[in-house]
PDB file of N, CA and C in Angstrom:
ATOM      1  N   MET A   1      40.724 -42.392  47.516  1.00  0.00           N
ATOM      2  CA  MET A   1      40.900 -42.718  46.049  1.00  0.00           C
ATOM      3  C   MET A   1      41.279 -41.589  45.885  1.00  0.00           C
ATOM      4  N   ILE A   2      41.676 -41.888  44.340  1.00  0.00           N
ATOM      5  CA  ILE A   2      42.251 -40.791  43.823  1.00  0.00           C
ATOM      6  C   ILE A   2      41.594 -40.199  42.694  1.00  0.00           C
ATOM      7  N   ASP A   3      41.518 -38.637  42.594  1.00  0.00           N
ATOM      8  CA  ASP A   3      40.281 -38.335  41.739  1.00  0.00           C
ATOM      9  C   ASP A   3      40.909 -38.465  40.234  1.00  0.00           C
ATOM     10  N   VAL A   4      40.476 -38.846  38.777  1.00  0.00           N
ATOM     11  CA  VAL A   4      40.812 -39.001  37.841  1.00  0.00           C
ATOM     12  C   VAL A   4      40.924 -37.598  37.747  1.00  0.00           C
ATOM     13  N   HIS A   5      40.221 -36.665  37.692  1.00  0.00           N
ATOM     14  CA  HIS A   5      40.059 -35.072  36.985  1.00  0.00           C
ATOM     15  C   HIS A   5      41.278 -34.735  37.418  1.00  0.00           C
ATOM     16  N   THR A   6      41.854 -34.291  39.293  1.00  0.00           N
ATOM     17  CA  THR A   6      42.990 -34.155  39.754  1.00  0.00           C
ATOM     18  C   THR A   6      44.000 -34.926  39.104  1.00  0.00           C
ATOM     19  N   ALA A   7      44.188 -36.207  38.412  1.00  0.00           N
ATOM     20  CA  ALA A   7      45.418 -37.064  38.553  1.00  0.00           C
ATOM     21  C   ALA A   7      46.541 -36.799  36.781  1.00  0.00           C
ATOM     22  N   HIS A   8      44.758 -36.457  35.985  1.00  0.00           N
ATOM     23  CA  HIS A   8      44.633 -36.212  34.638  1.00  0.00           C
ATOM     24  C   HIS A   8      45.638 -34.968  34.529  1.00  0.00           C
ATOM     25  N   ALA A   9      45.542 -33.485  35.389  1.00  0.00           N
ATOM     26  CA  ALA A   9      45.470 -32.339  35.525  1.00  0.00           C
ATOM     27  C   ALA A   9      46.769 -32.219  35.945  1.00  0.00           C
ATOM     28  N   ALA A  10      47.016 -33.146  36.872  1.00  0.00           N
ATOM     29  CA  ALA A  10      48.866 -33.123  37.535  1.00  0.00           C
ATOM     30  C   ALA A  10      49.350 -33.542  35.921  1.00  0.00           C
ATOM     31  N   LEU A  11      49.452 -34.770  35.171  1.00  0.00           N
ATOM     32  CA  LEU A  11      49.757 -35.405  34.820  1.00  0.00           C
ATOM     33  C   LEU A  11      50.264 -33.803  33.260  1.00  0.00           C
ATOM     34  N   ASP A  12      49.269 -33.734  33.278  1.00  0.00           N
ATOM     35  CA  ASP A  12      49.095 -32.302  32.045  1.00  0.00           C
ATOM     36  C   ASP A  12      49.795 -31.409  32.392  1.00  0.00           C
ATOM     37  N   GLU A  13      50.264 -30.998  33.809  1.00  0.00           N
ATOM     38  CA  GLU A  13      51.176 -29.932  34.557  1.00  0.00           C
ATOM     39  C   GLU A  13      52.530 -30.803  34.032  1.00  0.00           C
ATOM     40  N   GLN A  14      52.809 -31.641  34.699  1.00  0.00           N
ATOM     41  CA  GLN A  14      54.030 -32.169  34.058  1.00  0.00           C
ATOM     42  C   GLN A  14      54.912 -32.433  33.027  1.00  0.00           C
ATOM     43  N   VAL A  15      53.704 -32.520  32.008  1.00  0.00           N
ATOM     44  CA  VAL A  15      54.417 -32.978  31.198  1.00  0.00           C
ATOM     45  C   VAL A  15      54.510 -31.802  30.457  1.00  0.00           C
ATOM     46  N   SER A  16      53.718 -30.965  30.482  1.00  0.00           N
ATOM     47  CA  SER A  16      53.890 -29.547  30.155  1.00  0.00           C
ATOM     48  C   SER A  16      55.329 -28.957  30.347  1.00  0.00           C
ATOM     49  N   GLN A  17      55.457 -28.795  32.056  1.00  0.00           N
ATOM     50  CA  GLN A  17      56.541 -28.307  32.710  1.00  0.00           C
ATOM     51  C   GLN A  17      57.757 -29.115  31.710  1.00  0.00           C
ATOM     52  N   ALA A  18      57.478 -30.332  31.662  1.00  0.00           N
ATOM     53  CA  ALA A  18      59.558 -30.853  30.996  1.00  0.00           C
ATOM     54  C   ALA A  18      59.243 -30.700  29.357  1.00  0.00           C
ATOM     55  N   LEU A  19      58.124 -30.122  28.795  1.00  0.00           N
ATOM     56  CA  LEU A  19      58.382 -29.579  27.366  1.00  0.00           C
ATOM     57  C   LEU A  19      59.165 -27.970  27.297  1.00  0.00           C
ATOM     58  N   ASP A  20      58.456 -27.807  28.676  1.00  0.00           N
ATOM     59  CA  ASP A  20      58.959 -25.930  28.441  1.00  0.00           C
ATOM     60  C   ASP A  20      60.005 -25.961  28.777  1.00  0.00           C
ATOM     61  N   SER A  21      60.626 -26.779  29.852  1.00  0.00           N
ATOM     62  CA  SER A  21      62.013 -26.936  30.505  1.00  0.00           C
ATOM     63  C   SER A  21      62.530 -27.428  29.541  1.00  0.00           C
ATOM     64  N   SER A  22      62.335 -28.265  28.380  1.00  0.00           N
ATOM     65  CA  SER A  22      64.004 -28.791  27.579  1.00  0.00           C
ATOM     66  C   SER A  22      64.277 -27.082  26.740  1.00  0.00           C
ATOM     67  N   PRO A  23      65.871 -27.369  27.178  1.00  0.00           N
ATOM     68  CA  PRO A  23      66.697 -26.512  26.033  1.00  0.00           C
ATOM     69  C   PRO A  23      66.162 -27.082  24.476  1.00  0.00           C
ATOM     70  N   TYR A  24      65.738 -28.127  24.048  1.00  0.00           N
ATOM     71  CA  TYR A  24      65.985 -28.375  22.545  1.00  0.00           C
ATOM     72  C   TYR A  24      64.232 -28.148  22.178  1.00  0.00           C
ATOM     73  N   VAL A  25      63.318 -28.243  23.002  1.00  0.00           N
ATOM     74  CA  VAL A  25      62.081 -27.916  22.421  1.00  0.00           C
ATOM     75  C   VAL A  25      61.549 -26.826  23.112  1.00  0.00           C
ATOM     76  N   ALA A  26      61.771 -26.297  24.176  1.00  0.00           N
ATOM     77  CA  ALA A  26      61.148 -25.522  24.662  1.00  0.00           C
ATOM     78  C   ALA A  26      60.149 -24.012  23.949  1.00  0.00           C
ATOM     79  N   ARG A  27      60.800 -23.650  23.437  1.00  0.00           N
ATOM     80  CA  ARG A  27      60.682 -23.064  21.715  1.00  0.00           C
ATOM     81  C   ARG A  27      60.033 -22.887  20.659  1.00  0.00           C
ATOM     82  N   CYS A  28      59.798 -24.260  20.552  1.00  0.00           N
ATOM     83  CA  CYS A  28      58.913 -24.944  19.554  1.00  0.00           C
ATOM     84  C   CYS A  28      57.272 -25.479  19.876  1.00  0.00           C
ATOM     85  N   ASN A  29      57.062 -24.939  18.318  1.00  0.00           N
ATOM     86  CA  ASN A  29      55.227 -25.297  18.803  1.00  0.00           C
ATOM     87  C   ASN A  29      54.483 -27.074  18.334  1.00  0.00           C
ATOM     88  N   LEU A  30      54.881 -27.209  20.031  1.00  0.00           N
ATOM     89  CA  LEU A  30      54.266 -28.608  20.364  1.00  0.00           C
ATOM     90  C   LEU A  30      53.053 -28.933  21.318  1.00  0.00           C
ATOM     91  N   ARG A  31      52.121 -29.940  20.993  1.00  0.00           N
ATOM     92  CA  ARG A  31      50.553 -30.053  21.771  1.00  0.00           C
ATOM     93  C   ARG A  31      50.986 -31.691  22.310  1.00  0.00           C
ATOM     94  N   PHE A  32      50.290 -31.599  22.894  1.00  0.00           N
ATOM     95  CA  PHE A  32      50.370 -32.968  23.280  1.00  0.00           C
ATOM     96  C   PHE A  32      48.792 -33.762  23.908  1.00  0.00           C
ATOM     97  N   GLU A  33      48.437 -34.487  24.023  1.00  0.00           N
ATOM     98  CA  GLU A  33      47.291 -34.669  24.396  1.00  0.00           C
ATOM     99  C   GLU A  33      47.753 -36.582  25.826  1.00  0.00           C
ATOM    100  N   THR A  34      46.766 -36.400  26.585  1.00  0.00           N
ATOM    101  CA  THR A  34      46.828 -37.024  27.423  1.00  0.00           C
ATOM    102  C   THR A  34      46.068 -37.941  28.114  1.00  0.00           C
ATOM    103  N   HIS A  35      46.219 -39.595  28.223  1.00  0.00           N
ATOM    104  CA  HIS A  35      44.891 -40.284  28.379  1.00  0.00           C
ATOM    105  C   HIS A  35      45.143 -41.373  29.201  1.00  0.00           C
ATOM    106  N   GLU A  36      44.932 -41.520  30.331  1.00  0.00           N
ATOM    107  CA  GLU A  36      45.842 -42.845  31.022  1.00  0.00           C
ATOM    108  C   GLU A  36      46.778 -43.035  31.165  1.00  0.00           C
ATOM    109  N   GLY A  37      48.035 -42.442  31.225  1.00  0.00           N
ATOM    110  CA  GLY A  37      49.431 -42.487  31.001  1.00  0.00           C
ATOM    111  C   GLY A  37      49.556 -42.590  29.976  1.00  0.00           C
ATOM    112  N   ARG A  38      49.204 -42.531  29.159  1.00  0.00           N
ATOM    113  CA  ARG A  38      49.737 -41.911  27.289  1.00  0.00           C
ATOM    114  C   ARG A  38      49.877 -40.974  27.140  1.00  0.00           C
ATOM    115  N   VAL A  39      51.104 -40.340  26.595  1.00  0.00           N
ATOM    116  CA  VAL A  39      51.025 -39.201  25.800  1.00  0.00           C
ATOM    117  C   VAL A  39      51.783 -39.415  24.954  1.00  0.00           C
ATOM    118  N   THR A  40      50.769 -38.917  24.259  1.00  0.00           N
ATOM    119  CA  THR A  40      50.817 -38.047  22.450  1.00  0.00           C
ATOM    120  C   THR A  40      51.775 -37.335  22.162  1.00  0.00           C
ATOM    121  N   LEU A  41      52.425 -36.785  21.063  1.00  0.00           N
ATOM    122  CA  LEU A  41      53.253 -35.717  21.291  1.00  0.00           C
ATOM    123  C   LEU A  41      52.734 -34.966  19.772  1.00  0.00           C
ATOM    124  N   HIS A  42      52.148 -33.334  19.344  1.00  0.00           N
ATOM    125  CA  HIS A  42      51.564 -33.755  17.995  1.00  0.00           C
ATOM    126  C   HIS A  42      52.707 -32.139  17.833  1.00  0.00           C
ATOM    127  N   GLY A  43      53.072 -31.736  16.687  1.00  0.00           N
ATOM    128  CA  GLY A  43      53.770 -30.768  16.098  1.00  0.00           C
ATOM    129  C   GLY A  43      54.651 -31.076  14.981  1.00  0.00           C
ATOM    130  N   ALA A  44      55.802 -30.238  14.753  1.00  0.00           N
ATOM    131  CA  ALA A  44      56.582 -29.716  13.817  1.00  0.00           C
ATOM    132  C   ALA A  44      57.484 -29.454  14.841  1.00  0.00           C
ATOM    133  N   VAL A  45      59.041 -30.526  14.947  1.00  0.00           N
ATOM    134  CA  VAL A  45      60.427 -29.760  14.693  1.00  0.00           C
ATOM    135  C   VAL A  45      61.444 -29.555  13.922  1.00  0.00           C
ATOM    136  N   ASP A  46      62.863 -29.397  13.691  1.00  0.00           N
ATOM    137  CA  ASP A  46      63.483 -29.423  12.620  1.00  0.00           C
ATOM    138  C   ASP A  46      64.008 -30.163  12.231  1.00  0.00           C
ATOM    139  N   SER A  47      64.841 -31.008  13.626  1.00  0.00           N
ATOM    140  CA  SER A  47      65.205 -32.320  13.631  1.00  0.00           C
ATOM    141  C   SER A  47      65.115 -33.212  14.003  1.00  0.00           C
ATOM    142  N   PHE A  48      64.930 -34.780  13.693  1.00  0.00           N
ATOM    143  CA  PHE A  48      65.435 -35.928  14.837  1.00  0.00           C
ATOM    144  C   PHE A  48      65.730 -35.912  15.824  1.00  0.00           C
ATOM    145  N   PHE A  49      66.207 -35.309  16.175  1.00  0.00           N
ATOM    146  CA  PHE A  49      66.850 -34.571  17.106  1.00  0.00           C
ATOM    147  C   PHE A  49      66.325 -34.691  17.874  1.00  0.00           C
ATOM    148  N   LYS A  50      65.582 -33.445  17.797  1.00  0.00           N
ATOM    149  CA  LYS A  50      64.614 -32.239  18.734  1.00  0.00           C
ATOM    150  C   LYS A  50      63.331 -33.289  19.200  1.00  0.00           C
ATOM    151  N   LYS A  51      63.193 -34.123  17.614  1.00  0.00           N
ATOM    152  CA  LYS A  51      62.090 -35.053  18.040  1.00  0.00           C
ATOM    153  C   LYS A  51      62.500 -36.064  19.058  1.00  0.00           C
ATOM    154  N   GLN A  52      63.938 -36.603  19.266  1.00  0.00           N
ATOM    155  CA  GLN A  52      63.595 -37.145  20.304  1.00  0.00           C
ATOM    156  C   GLN A  52      64.315 -37.113  21.856  1.00  0.00           C
ATOM    157  N   MET A  53      64.674 -35.536  21.775  1.00  0.00           N
ATOM    158  CA  MET A  53      64.966 -35.023  22.748  1.00  0.00           C
ATOM    159  C   MET A  53      63.365 -34.521  23.290  1.00  0.00           C
ATOM    160  N   ALA A  54      62.501 -34.462  23.339  1.00  0.00           N
ATOM    161  CA  ALA A  54      60.666 -34.630  22.874  1.00  0.00           C
ATOM    162  C   ALA A  54      60.257 -35.707  23.843  1.00  0.00           C
ATOM    163  N   GLN A  55      60.563 -36.632  23.328  1.00  0.00           N
ATOM    164  CA  GLN A  55      60.105 -37.541  23.885  1.00  0.00           C
ATOM    165  C   GLN A  55      61.119 -37.807  25.310  1.00  0.00           C
ATOM    166  N   GLU A  56      62.568 -38.350  24.699  1.00  0.00           N
ATOM    167  CA  GLU A  56      63.417 -38.195  26.455  1.00  0.00           C
ATOM    168  C   GLU A  56      63.012 -37.125  27.311  1.00  0.00           C
ATOM    169  N   SER A  57      62.844 -36.311  27.561  1.00  0.00           N
ATOM    170  CA  SER A  57      61.821 -35.114  28.764  1.00  0.00           C
ATOM    171  C   SER A  57      60.762 -35.655  28.987  1.00  0.00           C
ATOM    172  N   LEU A  58      60.256 -37.057  28.747  1.00  0.00           N
ATOM    173  CA  LEU A  58      59.103 -37.147  29.190  1.00  0.00           C
ATOM    174  C   LEU A  58      59.518 -38.484  29.579  1.00  0.00           C
ATOM    175  N   ARG A  59      60.359 -38.842  29.429  1.00  0.00           N
ATOM    176  CA  ARG A  59      60.987 -40.276  30.133  1.00  0.00           C
ATOM    177  C   ARG A  59      61.118 -40.423  31.354  1.00  0.00           C
ATOM    178  N   GLY A  60      60.513 -41.356  32.533  1.00  0.00           N
ATOM    179  CA  GLY A  60      60.945 -40.793  34.102  1.00  0.00           C
ATOM    180  C   GLY A  60      59.642 -39.775  34.791  1.00  0.00           C
ATOM    181  N   LEU A  61      58.517 -39.142  33.609  1.00  0.00           N
ATOM    182  CA  LEU A  61      58.008 -38.648  34.679  1.00  0.00           C
ATOM    183  C   LEU A  61      56.467 -39.644  35.476  1.00  0.00           C
ATOM    184  N   ALA A  62      56.255 -39.054  36.656  1.00  0.00           N
ATOM    185  CA  ALA A  62      55.215 -40.287  37.199  1.00  0.00           C
ATOM    186  C   ALA A  62      53.949 -40.625  36.818  1.00  0.00           C
ATOM    187  N   GLY A  63      53.558 -41.025  36.298  1.00  0.00           N
ATOM    188  CA  GLY A  63      52.190 -41.572  35.438  1.00  0.00           C
ATOM    189  C   GLY A  63      52.157 -41.547  33.768  1.00  0.00           C
ATOM    190  N   VAL A  64      53.304 -41.361  33.636  1.00  0.00           N
ATOM    191  CA  VAL A  64      53.743 -41.384  31.926  1.00  0.00           C
ATOM    192  C   VAL A  64      53.377 -43.223  31.548  1.00  0.00           C
ATOM    193  N   ARG A  65      53.323 -43.414  31.218  1.00  0.00           N
ATOM    194  CA  ARG A  65      53.534 -45.198  31.370  1.00  0.00           C
ATOM    195  C   ARG A  65      53.050 -45.342  29.562  1.00  0.00           C
ATOM    196  N   GLN A  66      53.654 -44.201  28.926  1.00  0.00           N
ATOM    197  CA  GLN A  66      53.204 -44.839  27.001  1.00  0.00           C
ATOM    198  C   GLN A  66      53.630 -43.185  26.727  1.00  0.00           C
ATOM    199  N   ILE A  67      54.393 -43.008  25.401  1.00  0.00           N
ATOM    200  CA  ILE A  67      54.770 -41.864  24.981  1.00  0.00           C
ATOM    201  C   ILE A  67      54.555 -42.516  23.181  1.00  0.00           C
ATOM    202  N   ASP A  68      53.828 -41.680  22.639  1.00  0.00           N
ATOM    203  CA  ASP A  68      53.496 -41.712  21.062  1.00  0.00           C
ATOM    204  C   ASP A  68      54.118 -40.185  20.537  1.00  0.00           C
ATOM    205  N   ASN A  69      55.492 -40.334  19.643  1.00  0.00           N
ATOM    206  CA  ASN A  69      55.609 -39.666  19.484  1.00  0.00           C
ATOM    207  C   ASN A  69      55.052 -39.326  17.963  1.00  0.00           C
ATOM    208  N   LEU A  70      54.481 -38.543  17.917  1.00  0.00           N
ATOM    209  CA  LEU A  70      53.674 -38.069  16.371  1.00  0.00           C
ATOM    210  C   LEU A  70      54.478 -36.803  15.689  1.00  0.00           C
ATOM    211  N   LEU A  71      55.524 -36.239  16.462  1.00  0.00           N
ATOM    212  CA  LEU A  71      55.817 -35.309  15.864  1.00  0.00           C
ATOM    213  C   LEU A  71      56.971 -34.752  14.703  1.00  0.00           C
ATOM    214  N   GLU A  72      56.378 -33.969  13.776  1.00  0.00           N
ATOM    215  CA  GLU A  72      57.172 -34.242  12.172  1.00  0.00           C
ATOM    216  C   GLU A  72      58.863 -33.231  12.168  1.00  0.00           C
ATOM    217  N   VAL A  73      59.113 -34.074  11.682  1.00  0.00           N
ATOM    218  CA  VAL A  73      60.522 -33.585  11.247  1.00  0.00           C
ATOM    219  C   VAL A  73      60.464 -33.124  10.243  1.00  0.00           C
ATOM    220  N   ARG A  74      60.964 -31.461  10.802  1.00  0.00           N
ATOM    221  CA  ARG A  74      60.608 -30.315   9.031  1.00  0.00           C
ATOM    222  C   ARG A  74      61.665 -29.819   8.869  1.00  0.00           C
ATOM    223  N   GLY A  75      62.819 -30.147   7.779  1.00  0.00           N
ATOM    224  CA  GLY A  75      63.705 -28.914   7.731  1.00  0.00           C
ATOM    225  C   GLY A  75      64.722 -29.011   7.333  1.00  0.00           C
TER     226      GLY A  75
END
């Protein structure tokens, strides 16, 4: 049986690592929430390209079923 809290923590860690390792958004002030495979991105970036790259860095991660990109483009 899979522990829900362990799975949630693992997904949080994967998302955090993916965003931190992306050369496009690593130094941006982004926040995220995860819930049952849904990842919601919050914060601001300075271009639409970076907004898309934040989302793309999460595609293909195990456990991610949906990405809600609520990042604001400022700049």
